[in-house]
Amino acid sequence: MTTVAIAQDAGRLALGLALCVLLAAVTVTDLERRVIPNAFVLPGAVAGIAIVASTEPDLLLQNLLAAVIAGAGLLAVALVDPGGMGMGDVKLAATMGIYLGPAVALALLIGFVCAAGLGVALIARDGAAARKRGIPLAPFLAVGVVVTLWFGDGILPWYSRGILATGG
């Protein structure tokens, strides 16, 4: 294994560990207080940029673009329904993009599917009244990140093959 490959593996490990630590803190806080503090997300974003810049600088622009797209996507949702999603979720999605690059799309998809599953279960149990209950999104985004970190290399090609085979 070359020195570059070792540095890249160490960088990926550092990124994954830093992101998981950030997500643990954000998840607990979102569950307890229904808020994602800037005091967690902003230093997390800076750490992610520093890790990517120092270990895989050729990916920095791509990851920053993924952060902008992920953040903008959630910002659009938050602006359409201001009571449905907070700006903390928007900033968290952008931070996830710094760490995951284009794979942030998979993490967001998994997180939203998990959150929707809980929403459907609550509606099935409580009826229309459940639609007024808010659920914190950060824990579901954290699940999406962990699944992407562990299984993303297998899921992305499988998913891409399925989309290409069906014609989109």
N, C-alpha and C. Protein backbone atom coordinates (compact mmCIF):
# COMPACT_ATOMS: atom_id res chain seq x y z
N MET A 1 0.85 -1.17 0.00
CA MET A 1 0.00 0.00 0.00
C MET A 1 0.90 1.23 0.00
N THR A 2 0.55 2.19 -0.83
CA THR A 2 1.36 3.40 -0.94
C THR A 2 1.06 4.37 0.20
N THR A 3 1.96 5.31 0.37
CA THR A 3 1.78 6.32 1.41
C THR A 3 0.51 7.13 1.15
N VAL A 4 0.23 7.41 -0.12
CA VAL A 4 -0.97 8.17 -0.47
C VAL A 4 -2.23 7.38 -0.09
N ALA A 5 -2.23 6.08 -0.39
CA ALA A 5 -3.39 5.25 -0.07
C ALA A 5 -3.60 5.16 1.44
N ILE A 6 -2.51 5.06 2.19
CA ILE A 6 -2.62 5.02 3.65
C ILE A 6 -3.19 6.34 4.17
N ALA A 7 -2.72 7.44 3.63
CA ALA A 7 -3.23 8.76 4.05
C ALA A 7 -4.71 8.90 3.71
N GLN A 8 -5.10 8.40 2.54
CA GLN A 8 -6.51 8.47 2.15
C GLN A 8 -7.37 7.61 3.07
N ASP A 9 -6.92 6.40 3.39
CA ASP A 9 -7.67 5.54 4.31
C ASP A 9 -7.76 6.17 5.68
N ALA A 10 -6.67 6.76 6.16
CA ALA A 10 -6.67 7.43 7.46
C ALA A 10 -7.61 8.64 7.41
N GLY A 11 -7.61 9.35 6.30
CA GLY A 11 -8.52 10.49 6.14
C GLY A 11 -9.97 10.07 6.16
N ARG A 12 -10.28 8.99 5.47
CA ARG A 12 -11.66 8.48 5.46
C ARG A 12 -12.09 8.03 6.85
N LEU A 13 -11.18 7.37 7.56
CA LEU A 13 -11.48 6.96 8.92
C LEU A 13 -11.71 8.18 9.81
N ALA A 14 -10.84 9.17 9.69
CA ALA A 14 -11.00 10.40 10.48
C ALA A 14 -12.31 11.09 10.15
N LEU A 15 -12.66 11.16 8.86
CA LEU A 15 -13.93 11.77 8.48
C LEU A 15 -15.12 11.03 9.08
N GLY A 16 -15.10 9.71 8.96
CA GLY A 16 -16.20 8.91 9.49
C GLY A 16 -16.34 9.05 10.99
N LEU A 17 -15.22 9.00 11.70
CA LEU A 17 -15.27 9.12 13.16
C LEU A 17 -15.73 10.51 13.59
N ALA A 18 -15.20 11.54 12.95
CA ALA A 18 -15.60 12.91 13.31
C ALA A 18 -17.09 13.12 13.03
N LEU A 19 -17.56 12.62 11.91
CA LEU A 19 -18.97 12.78 11.57
C LEU A 19 -19.86 12.02 12.55
N CYS A 20 -19.46 10.82 12.93
CA CYS A 20 -20.26 10.05 13.89
C CYS A 20 -20.31 10.71 15.26
N VAL A 21 -19.20 11.28 15.70
CA VAL A 21 -19.18 12.01 16.98
C VAL A 21 -20.12 13.21 16.90
N LEU A 22 -20.03 13.95 15.81
CA LEU A 22 -20.92 15.09 15.61
C LEU A 22 -22.37 14.65 15.62
N LEU A 23 -22.68 13.60 14.89
CA LEU A 23 -24.06 13.14 14.80
C LEU A 23 -24.59 12.61 16.13
N ALA A 24 -23.74 12.01 16.93
CA ALA A 24 -24.17 11.54 18.25
C ALA A 24 -24.61 12.73 19.10
N ALA A 25 -23.79 13.78 19.12
CA ALA A 25 -24.12 14.98 19.90
C ALA A 25 -25.38 15.66 19.37
N VAL A 26 -25.47 15.77 18.06
CA VAL A 26 -26.63 16.43 17.45
C VAL A 26 -27.90 15.61 17.69
N THR A 27 -27.81 14.30 17.58
CA THR A 27 -28.98 13.45 17.78
C THR A 27 -29.53 13.58 19.19
N VAL A 28 -28.64 13.49 20.18
CA VAL A 28 -29.09 13.60 21.58
C VAL A 28 -29.74 14.96 21.82
N THR A 29 -29.11 15.99 21.33
CA THR A 29 -29.65 17.34 21.53
C THR A 29 -30.98 17.53 20.81
N ASP A 30 -31.09 17.01 19.59
CA ASP A 30 -32.34 17.15 18.84
C ASP A 30 -33.46 16.36 19.52
N LEU A 31 -33.15 15.20 20.04
CA LEU A 31 -34.17 14.42 20.75
C LEU A 31 -34.61 15.10 22.04
N GLU A 32 -33.67 15.67 22.77
CA GLU A 32 -33.99 16.28 24.05
C GLU A 32 -34.61 17.66 23.91
N ARG A 33 -34.05 18.50 23.02
CA ARG A 33 -34.43 19.91 22.98
C ARG A 33 -35.07 20.34 21.66
N ARG A 34 -35.09 19.43 20.67
CA ARG A 34 -35.63 19.75 19.35
C ARG A 34 -34.90 20.92 18.69
N VAL A 35 -33.59 20.92 18.86
CA VAL A 35 -32.76 21.96 18.26
C VAL A 35 -31.42 21.34 17.87
N ILE A 36 -30.83 21.84 16.80
CA ILE A 36 -29.50 21.43 16.37
C ILE A 36 -28.62 22.67 16.51
N PRO A 37 -27.81 22.72 17.56
CA PRO A 37 -27.05 23.95 17.84
C PRO A 37 -25.95 24.23 16.82
N ASN A 38 -25.83 25.51 16.48
CA ASN A 38 -24.73 25.96 15.63
C ASN A 38 -23.39 25.62 16.27
N ALA A 39 -23.36 25.59 17.61
CA ALA A 39 -22.12 25.30 18.33
C ALA A 39 -21.60 23.90 18.03
N PHE A 40 -22.46 23.02 17.51
CA PHE A 40 -22.03 21.68 17.09
C PHE A 40 -21.76 21.65 15.59
N VAL A 41 -22.69 22.18 14.82
CA VAL A 41 -22.65 22.01 13.37
C VAL A 41 -21.52 22.82 12.73
N LEU A 42 -21.35 24.05 13.14
CA LEU A 42 -20.33 24.88 12.49
C LEU A 42 -18.90 24.38 12.75
N PRO A 43 -18.52 24.07 14.00
CA PRO A 43 -17.19 23.47 14.18
C PRO A 43 -17.05 22.12 13.47
N GLY A 44 -18.15 21.37 13.41
CA GLY A 44 -18.13 20.10 12.68
C GLY A 44 -17.85 20.31 11.21
N ALA A 45 -18.44 21.35 10.63
CA ALA A 45 -18.21 21.65 9.22
C ALA A 45 -16.75 22.07 8.99
N VAL A 46 -16.23 22.90 9.87
CA VAL A 46 -14.84 23.34 9.75
C VAL A 46 -13.90 22.14 9.87
N ALA A 47 -14.19 21.24 10.82
CA ALA A 47 -13.36 20.04 10.98
C ALA A 47 -13.41 19.18 9.72
N GLY A 48 -14.59 19.03 9.15
CA GLY A 48 -14.72 18.24 7.93
C GLY A 48 -13.93 18.83 6.78
N ILE A 49 -14.01 20.13 6.62
CA ILE A 49 -13.23 20.80 5.56
C ILE A 49 -11.73 20.60 5.80
N ALA A 50 -11.30 20.74 7.04
CA ALA A 50 -9.88 20.58 7.35
C ALA A 50 -9.41 19.15 7.07
N ILE A 51 -10.22 18.17 7.43
CA ILE A 51 -9.83 16.77 7.21
C ILE A 51 -9.76 16.47 5.72
N VAL A 52 -10.78 16.88 4.97
CA VAL A 52 -10.78 16.63 3.52
C VAL A 52 -9.62 17.37 2.86
N ALA A 53 -9.42 18.63 3.23
CA ALA A 53 -8.35 19.42 2.62
C ALA A 53 -6.97 18.84 2.89
N SER A 54 -6.79 18.24 4.05
CA SER A 54 -5.46 17.72 4.40
C SER A 54 -5.23 16.29 3.93
N THR A 55 -6.29 15.52 3.72
CA THR A 55 -6.09 14.11 3.36
C THR A 55 -6.44 13.80 1.91
N GLU A 56 -7.44 14.48 1.37
CA GLU A 56 -7.83 14.25 -0.02
C GLU A 56 -8.23 15.58 -0.66
N PRO A 57 -7.26 16.47 -0.84
CA PRO A 57 -7.58 17.81 -1.33
C PRO A 57 -8.26 17.83 -2.69
N ASP A 58 -8.04 16.80 -3.50
CA ASP A 58 -8.69 16.76 -4.81
C ASP A 58 -10.21 16.55 -4.69
N LEU A 59 -10.70 16.13 -3.53
CA LEU A 59 -12.13 15.94 -3.31
C LEU A 59 -12.81 17.14 -2.67
N LEU A 60 -12.04 18.13 -2.25
CA LEU A 60 -12.60 19.24 -1.49
C LEU A 60 -13.68 19.98 -2.27
N LEU A 61 -13.41 20.34 -3.51
CA LEU A 61 -14.40 21.08 -4.30
C LEU A 61 -15.67 20.25 -4.49
N GLN A 62 -15.51 18.98 -4.80
CA GLN A 62 -16.66 18.10 -4.99
C GLN A 62 -17.49 18.01 -3.71
N ASN A 63 -16.82 17.87 -2.57
CA ASN A 63 -17.54 17.75 -1.31
C ASN A 63 -18.22 19.06 -0.92
N LEU A 64 -17.57 20.18 -1.20
CA LEU A 64 -18.21 21.48 -0.93
C LEU A 64 -19.43 21.69 -1.81
N LEU A 65 -19.35 21.24 -3.06
CA LEU A 65 -20.50 21.32 -3.95
C LEU A 65 -21.64 20.43 -3.43
N ALA A 66 -21.31 19.24 -2.96
CA ALA A 66 -22.32 18.36 -2.38
C ALA A 66 -22.96 19.00 -1.16
N ALA A 67 -22.16 19.71 -0.37
CA ALA A 67 -22.69 20.41 0.80
C ALA A 67 -23.67 21.49 0.39
N VAL A 68 -23.32 22.26 -0.63
CA VAL A 68 -24.20 23.34 -1.10
C VAL A 68 -25.51 22.75 -1.63
N ILE A 69 -25.42 21.69 -2.41
CA ILE A 69 -26.62 21.09 -2.99
C ILE A 69 -27.50 20.49 -1.90
N ALA A 70 -26.90 19.77 -0.96
CA ALA A 70 -27.69 19.17 0.13
C ALA A 70 -28.34 20.25 0.98
N GLY A 71 -27.57 21.26 1.34
CA GLY A 71 -28.13 22.35 2.14
C GLY A 71 -29.22 23.10 1.39
N ALA A 72 -29.01 23.37 0.12
CA ALA A 72 -30.00 24.10 -0.68
C ALA A 72 -31.28 23.27 -0.83
N GLY A 73 -31.13 21.98 -0.99
CA GLY A 73 -32.31 21.13 -1.11
C GLY A 73 -33.18 21.16 0.13
N LEU A 74 -32.54 21.04 1.28
CA LEU A 74 -33.31 21.10 2.52
C LEU A 74 -33.79 22.51 2.82
N LEU A 75 -33.04 23.52 2.40
CA LEU A 75 -33.49 24.90 2.58
C LEU A 75 -34.78 25.14 1.80
N ALA A 76 -34.85 24.63 0.59
CA ALA A 76 -36.08 24.77 -0.20
C ALA A 76 -37.26 24.15 0.52
N VAL A 77 -37.07 22.97 1.09
CA VAL A 77 -38.15 22.31 1.84
C VAL A 77 -38.53 23.14 3.06
N ALA A 78 -37.53 23.65 3.77
CA ALA A 78 -37.79 24.44 4.98
C ALA A 78 -38.52 25.74 4.65
N LEU A 79 -38.21 26.34 3.52
CA LEU A 79 -38.88 27.58 3.13
C LEU A 79 -40.33 27.34 2.69
N VAL A 80 -40.58 26.21 2.07
CA VAL A 80 -41.94 25.87 1.65
C VAL A 80 -42.83 25.60 2.86
N ASP A 81 -42.29 24.91 3.86
CA ASP A 81 -43.05 24.58 5.07
C ASP A 81 -42.20 24.92 6.29
N PRO A 82 -42.18 26.20 6.68
CA PRO A 82 -41.30 26.65 7.77
C PRO A 82 -41.50 25.90 9.09
N GLY A 83 -42.69 25.43 9.36
CA GLY A 83 -42.94 24.70 10.60
C GLY A 83 -42.51 23.25 10.54
N GLY A 84 -42.21 22.77 9.34
CA GLY A 84 -41.92 21.36 9.17
C GLY A 84 -40.47 20.96 9.38
N MET A 85 -39.57 21.88 9.10
CA MET A 85 -38.15 21.56 9.22
C MET A 85 -37.41 22.82 9.65
N GLY A 86 -36.47 22.65 10.54
CA GLY A 86 -35.73 23.81 11.02
C GLY A 86 -34.45 24.05 10.25
N MET A 87 -33.88 25.21 10.46
CA MET A 87 -32.63 25.56 9.80
C MET A 87 -31.47 24.71 10.30
N GLY A 88 -31.57 24.16 11.50
CA GLY A 88 -30.53 23.26 11.99
C GLY A 88 -30.41 22.04 11.10
N ASP A 89 -31.55 21.52 10.62
CA ASP A 89 -31.53 20.37 9.70
C ASP A 89 -30.87 20.75 8.39
N VAL A 90 -31.11 21.96 7.93
CA VAL A 90 -30.50 22.45 6.69
C VAL A 90 -28.98 22.49 6.85
N LYS A 91 -28.52 23.08 7.95
CA LYS A 91 -27.07 23.19 8.19
C LYS A 91 -26.45 21.82 8.40
N LEU A 92 -27.19 20.91 9.05
CA LEU A 92 -26.67 19.56 9.24
C LEU A 92 -26.51 18.85 7.90
N ALA A 93 -27.48 18.98 7.01
CA ALA A 93 -27.38 18.35 5.69
C ALA A 93 -26.17 18.89 4.92
N ALA A 94 -25.94 20.18 5.00
CA ALA A 94 -24.78 20.77 4.33
C ALA A 94 -23.48 20.21 4.93
N THR A 95 -23.44 20.11 6.24
CA THR A 95 -22.25 19.56 6.90
C THR A 95 -22.03 18.11 6.49
N MET A 96 -23.10 17.35 6.40
CA MET A 96 -22.99 15.96 5.95
C MET A 96 -22.38 15.90 4.55
N GLY A 97 -22.74 16.85 3.70
CA GLY A 97 -22.18 16.90 2.35
C GLY A 97 -20.69 17.11 2.34
N ILE A 98 -20.19 17.91 3.28
CA ILE A 98 -18.74 18.13 3.39
C ILE A 98 -18.04 16.80 3.65
N TYR A 99 -18.61 16.01 4.52
CA TYR A 99 -18.00 14.73 4.91
C TYR A 99 -18.20 13.64 3.87
N LEU A 100 -19.39 13.56 3.30
CA LEU A 100 -19.74 12.42 2.44
C LEU A 100 -19.59 12.68 0.95
N GLY A 101 -19.51 13.94 0.56
CA GLY A 101 -19.47 14.24 -0.87
C GLY A 101 -20.79 13.83 -1.51
N PRO A 102 -20.75 13.37 -2.75
CA PRO A 102 -21.99 13.00 -3.45
C PRO A 102 -22.81 11.91 -2.74
N ALA A 103 -22.17 11.11 -1.91
CA ALA A 103 -22.90 10.06 -1.18
C ALA A 103 -23.88 10.64 -0.17
N VAL A 104 -23.84 11.96 0.05
CA VAL A 104 -24.80 12.59 0.94
C VAL A 104 -26.23 12.36 0.42
N ALA A 105 -26.39 12.25 -0.89
CA ALA A 105 -27.72 12.01 -1.45
C ALA A 105 -28.30 10.70 -0.92
N LEU A 106 -27.48 9.67 -0.85
CA LEU A 106 -27.93 8.38 -0.32
C LEU A 106 -28.27 8.50 1.16
N ALA A 107 -27.42 9.18 1.92
CA ALA A 107 -27.68 9.35 3.36
C ALA A 107 -28.99 10.10 3.60
N LEU A 108 -29.23 11.14 2.82
CA LEU A 108 -30.48 11.89 2.96
C LEU A 108 -31.68 11.03 2.57
N LEU A 109 -31.55 10.29 1.49
CA LEU A 109 -32.64 9.41 1.06
C LEU A 109 -32.99 8.40 2.15
N ILE A 110 -31.98 7.75 2.69
CA ILE A 110 -32.21 6.75 3.75
C ILE A 110 -32.83 7.43 4.98
N GLY A 111 -32.30 8.58 5.36
CA GLY A 111 -32.85 9.29 6.51
C GLY A 111 -34.30 9.68 6.31
N PHE A 112 -34.63 10.19 5.13
CA PHE A 112 -36.02 10.58 4.87
C PHE A 112 -36.95 9.38 4.81
N VAL A 113 -36.49 8.27 4.25
CA VAL A 113 -37.32 7.06 4.20
C VAL A 113 -37.60 6.56 5.62
N CYS A 114 -36.58 6.57 6.46
CA CYS A 114 -36.78 6.14 7.86
C CYS A 114 -37.74 7.07 8.59
N ALA A 115 -37.58 8.38 8.42
CA ALA A 115 -38.47 9.34 9.06
C ALA A 115 -39.90 9.18 8.54
N ALA A 116 -40.05 8.98 7.24
CA ALA A 116 -41.38 8.79 6.67
C ALA A 116 -42.01 7.50 7.20
N GLY A 117 -41.19 6.48 7.37
CA GLY A 117 -41.72 5.23 7.93
C GLY A 117 -42.30 5.44 9.32
N LEU A 118 -41.58 6.18 10.15
CA LEU A 118 -42.11 6.49 11.48
C LEU A 118 -43.37 7.33 11.37
N GLY A 119 -43.37 8.31 10.49
CA GLY A 119 -44.55 9.15 10.29
C GLY A 119 -45.77 8.33 9.89
N VAL A 120 -45.60 7.42 8.97
CA VAL A 120 -46.70 6.55 8.53
C VAL A 120 -47.18 5.69 9.69
N ALA A 121 -46.24 5.15 10.47
CA ALA A 121 -46.62 4.32 11.62
C ALA A 121 -47.41 5.14 12.65
N LEU A 122 -46.98 6.37 12.89
CA LEU A 122 -47.70 7.23 13.84
C LEU A 122 -49.10 7.58 13.33
N ILE A 123 -49.22 7.84 12.05
CA ILE A 123 -50.53 8.13 11.47
C ILE A 123 -51.43 6.90 11.54
N ALA A 124 -50.86 5.73 11.28
CA ALA A 124 -51.64 4.50 11.38
C ALA A 124 -52.13 4.26 12.81
N ARG A 125 -51.28 4.61 13.76
CA ARG A 125 -51.65 4.39 15.17
C ARG A 125 -52.58 5.47 15.71
N ASP A 126 -52.28 6.75 15.42
CA ASP A 126 -52.99 7.87 16.04
C ASP A 126 -53.95 8.61 15.11
N GLY A 127 -53.98 8.25 13.86
CA GLY A 127 -54.86 8.93 12.92
C GLY A 127 -54.33 10.29 12.52
N ALA A 128 -55.23 11.15 12.08
CA ALA A 128 -54.86 12.46 11.56
C ALA A 128 -54.17 13.33 12.61
N ALA A 129 -54.42 13.09 13.88
CA ALA A 129 -53.79 13.88 14.95
C ALA A 129 -52.27 13.77 14.90
N ALA A 130 -51.77 12.65 14.41
CA ALA A 130 -50.31 12.44 14.35
C ALA A 130 -49.65 13.39 13.36
N ARG A 131 -50.40 13.91 12.42
CA ARG A 131 -49.82 14.82 11.42
C ARG A 131 -49.37 16.13 12.05
N LYS A 132 -49.91 16.46 13.19
CA LYS A 132 -49.54 17.70 13.88
C LYS A 132 -48.31 17.52 14.78
N ARG A 133 -47.92 16.28 15.00
CA ARG A 133 -46.76 16.02 15.86
C ARG A 133 -45.48 16.14 15.07
N GLY A 134 -44.56 16.88 15.62
CA GLY A 134 -43.26 17.00 14.98
C GLY A 134 -42.32 15.90 15.49
N ILE A 135 -41.49 15.42 14.61
CA ILE A 135 -40.48 14.46 15.02
C ILE A 135 -39.11 15.03 14.63
N PRO A 136 -38.13 14.86 15.50
CA PRO A 136 -36.80 15.38 15.16
C PRO A 136 -36.20 14.61 13.98
N LEU A 137 -35.61 15.33 13.07
CA LEU A 137 -35.06 14.71 11.85
C LEU A 137 -33.62 14.23 12.03
N ALA A 138 -32.85 14.87 12.89
CA ALA A 138 -31.43 14.53 13.02
C ALA A 138 -31.17 13.06 13.30
N PRO A 139 -31.95 12.39 14.17
CA PRO A 139 -31.67 10.96 14.38
C PRO A 139 -31.81 10.13 13.10
N PHE A 140 -32.74 10.50 12.26
CA PHE A 140 -32.94 9.76 11.02
C PHE A 140 -31.83 10.07 10.01
N LEU A 141 -31.39 11.32 9.99
CA LEU A 141 -30.24 11.66 9.14
C LEU A 141 -28.99 10.91 9.61
N ALA A 142 -28.86 10.77 10.93
CA ALA A 142 -27.72 10.03 11.48
C ALA A 142 -27.76 8.57 11.04
N VAL A 143 -28.95 7.97 11.04
CA VAL A 143 -29.09 6.59 10.55
C VAL A 143 -28.67 6.53 9.09
N GLY A 144 -29.12 7.49 8.30
CA GLY A 144 -28.74 7.52 6.89
C GLY A 144 -27.24 7.62 6.68
N VAL A 145 -26.58 8.42 7.51
CA VAL A 145 -25.12 8.56 7.42
C VAL A 145 -24.44 7.25 7.78
N VAL A 146 -24.85 6.64 8.88
CA VAL A 146 -24.19 5.40 9.32
C VAL A 146 -24.38 4.30 8.28
N VAL A 147 -25.57 4.17 7.74
CA VAL A 147 -25.80 3.15 6.70
C VAL A 147 -24.94 3.47 5.48
N THR A 148 -24.85 4.73 5.12
CA THR A 148 -24.03 5.12 3.97
C THR A 148 -22.55 4.85 4.23
N LEU A 149 -22.08 5.16 5.44
CA LEU A 149 -20.67 4.90 5.76
C LEU A 149 -20.35 3.41 5.71
N TRP A 150 -21.25 2.59 6.25
CA TRP A 150 -20.99 1.16 6.33
C TRP A 150 -21.27 0.43 5.03
N PHE A 151 -22.35 0.80 4.35
CA PHE A 151 -22.80 0.01 3.21
C PHE A 151 -22.90 0.79 1.91
N GLY A 152 -22.56 2.07 1.92
CA GLY A 152 -22.73 2.91 0.74
C GLY A 152 -21.99 2.43 -0.48
N ASP A 153 -20.79 1.88 -0.28
CA ASP A 153 -20.02 1.40 -1.43
C ASP A 153 -20.72 0.24 -2.13
N GLY A 154 -21.55 -0.50 -1.42
CA GLY A 154 -22.32 -1.57 -2.04
C GLY A 154 -23.68 -1.11 -2.54
N ILE A 155 -24.29 -0.17 -1.82
CA ILE A 155 -25.64 0.30 -2.18
C ILE A 155 -25.61 1.16 -3.43
N LEU A 156 -24.66 2.08 -3.51
CA LEU A 156 -24.65 3.02 -4.64
C LEU A 156 -24.55 2.31 -6.00
N PRO A 157 -23.62 1.37 -6.20
CA PRO A 157 -23.58 0.69 -7.50
C PRO A 157 -24.84 -0.13 -7.76
N TRP A 158 -25.37 -0.78 -6.73
CA TRP A 158 -26.61 -1.56 -6.87
C TRP A 158 -27.76 -0.66 -7.29
N TYR A 159 -27.89 0.48 -6.62
CA TYR A 159 -28.96 1.43 -6.92
C TYR A 159 -28.79 1.99 -8.32
N SER A 160 -27.56 2.36 -8.67
CA SER A 160 -27.29 2.91 -10.00
C SER A 160 -27.61 1.90 -11.09
N ARG A 161 -27.24 0.66 -10.88
CA ARG A 161 -27.57 -0.38 -11.87
C ARG A 161 -29.07 -0.52 -12.02
N GLY A 162 -29.81 -0.45 -10.92
CA GLY A 162 -31.26 -0.58 -10.97
C GLY A 162 -31.90 0.57 -11.72
N ILE A 163 -31.43 1.79 -11.49
CA ILE A 163 -31.97 2.96 -12.19
C ILE A 163 -31.66 2.88 -13.67
N LEU A 164 -30.41 2.51 -14.00
CA LEU A 164 -30.03 2.45 -15.41
C LEU A 164 -30.75 1.31 -16.13
N ALA A 165 -30.99 0.20 -15.42
CA ALA A 165 -31.64 -0.94 -16.05
C ALA A 165 -33.11 -0.64 -16.33
N THR A 166 -33.74 0.19 -15.50
CA THR A 166 -35.16 0.49 -15.69
C THR A 166 -35.38 1.72 -16.56
N GLY A 167 -34.31 2.40 -16.89
CA GLY A 167 -34.43 3.57 -17.73
C GLY A 167 -34.78 4.85 -16.98
N GLY A 168 -34.58 4.83 -15.66
CA GLY A 168 -34.70 6.08 -14.95
C GLY A 168 -35.85 6.24 -14.09
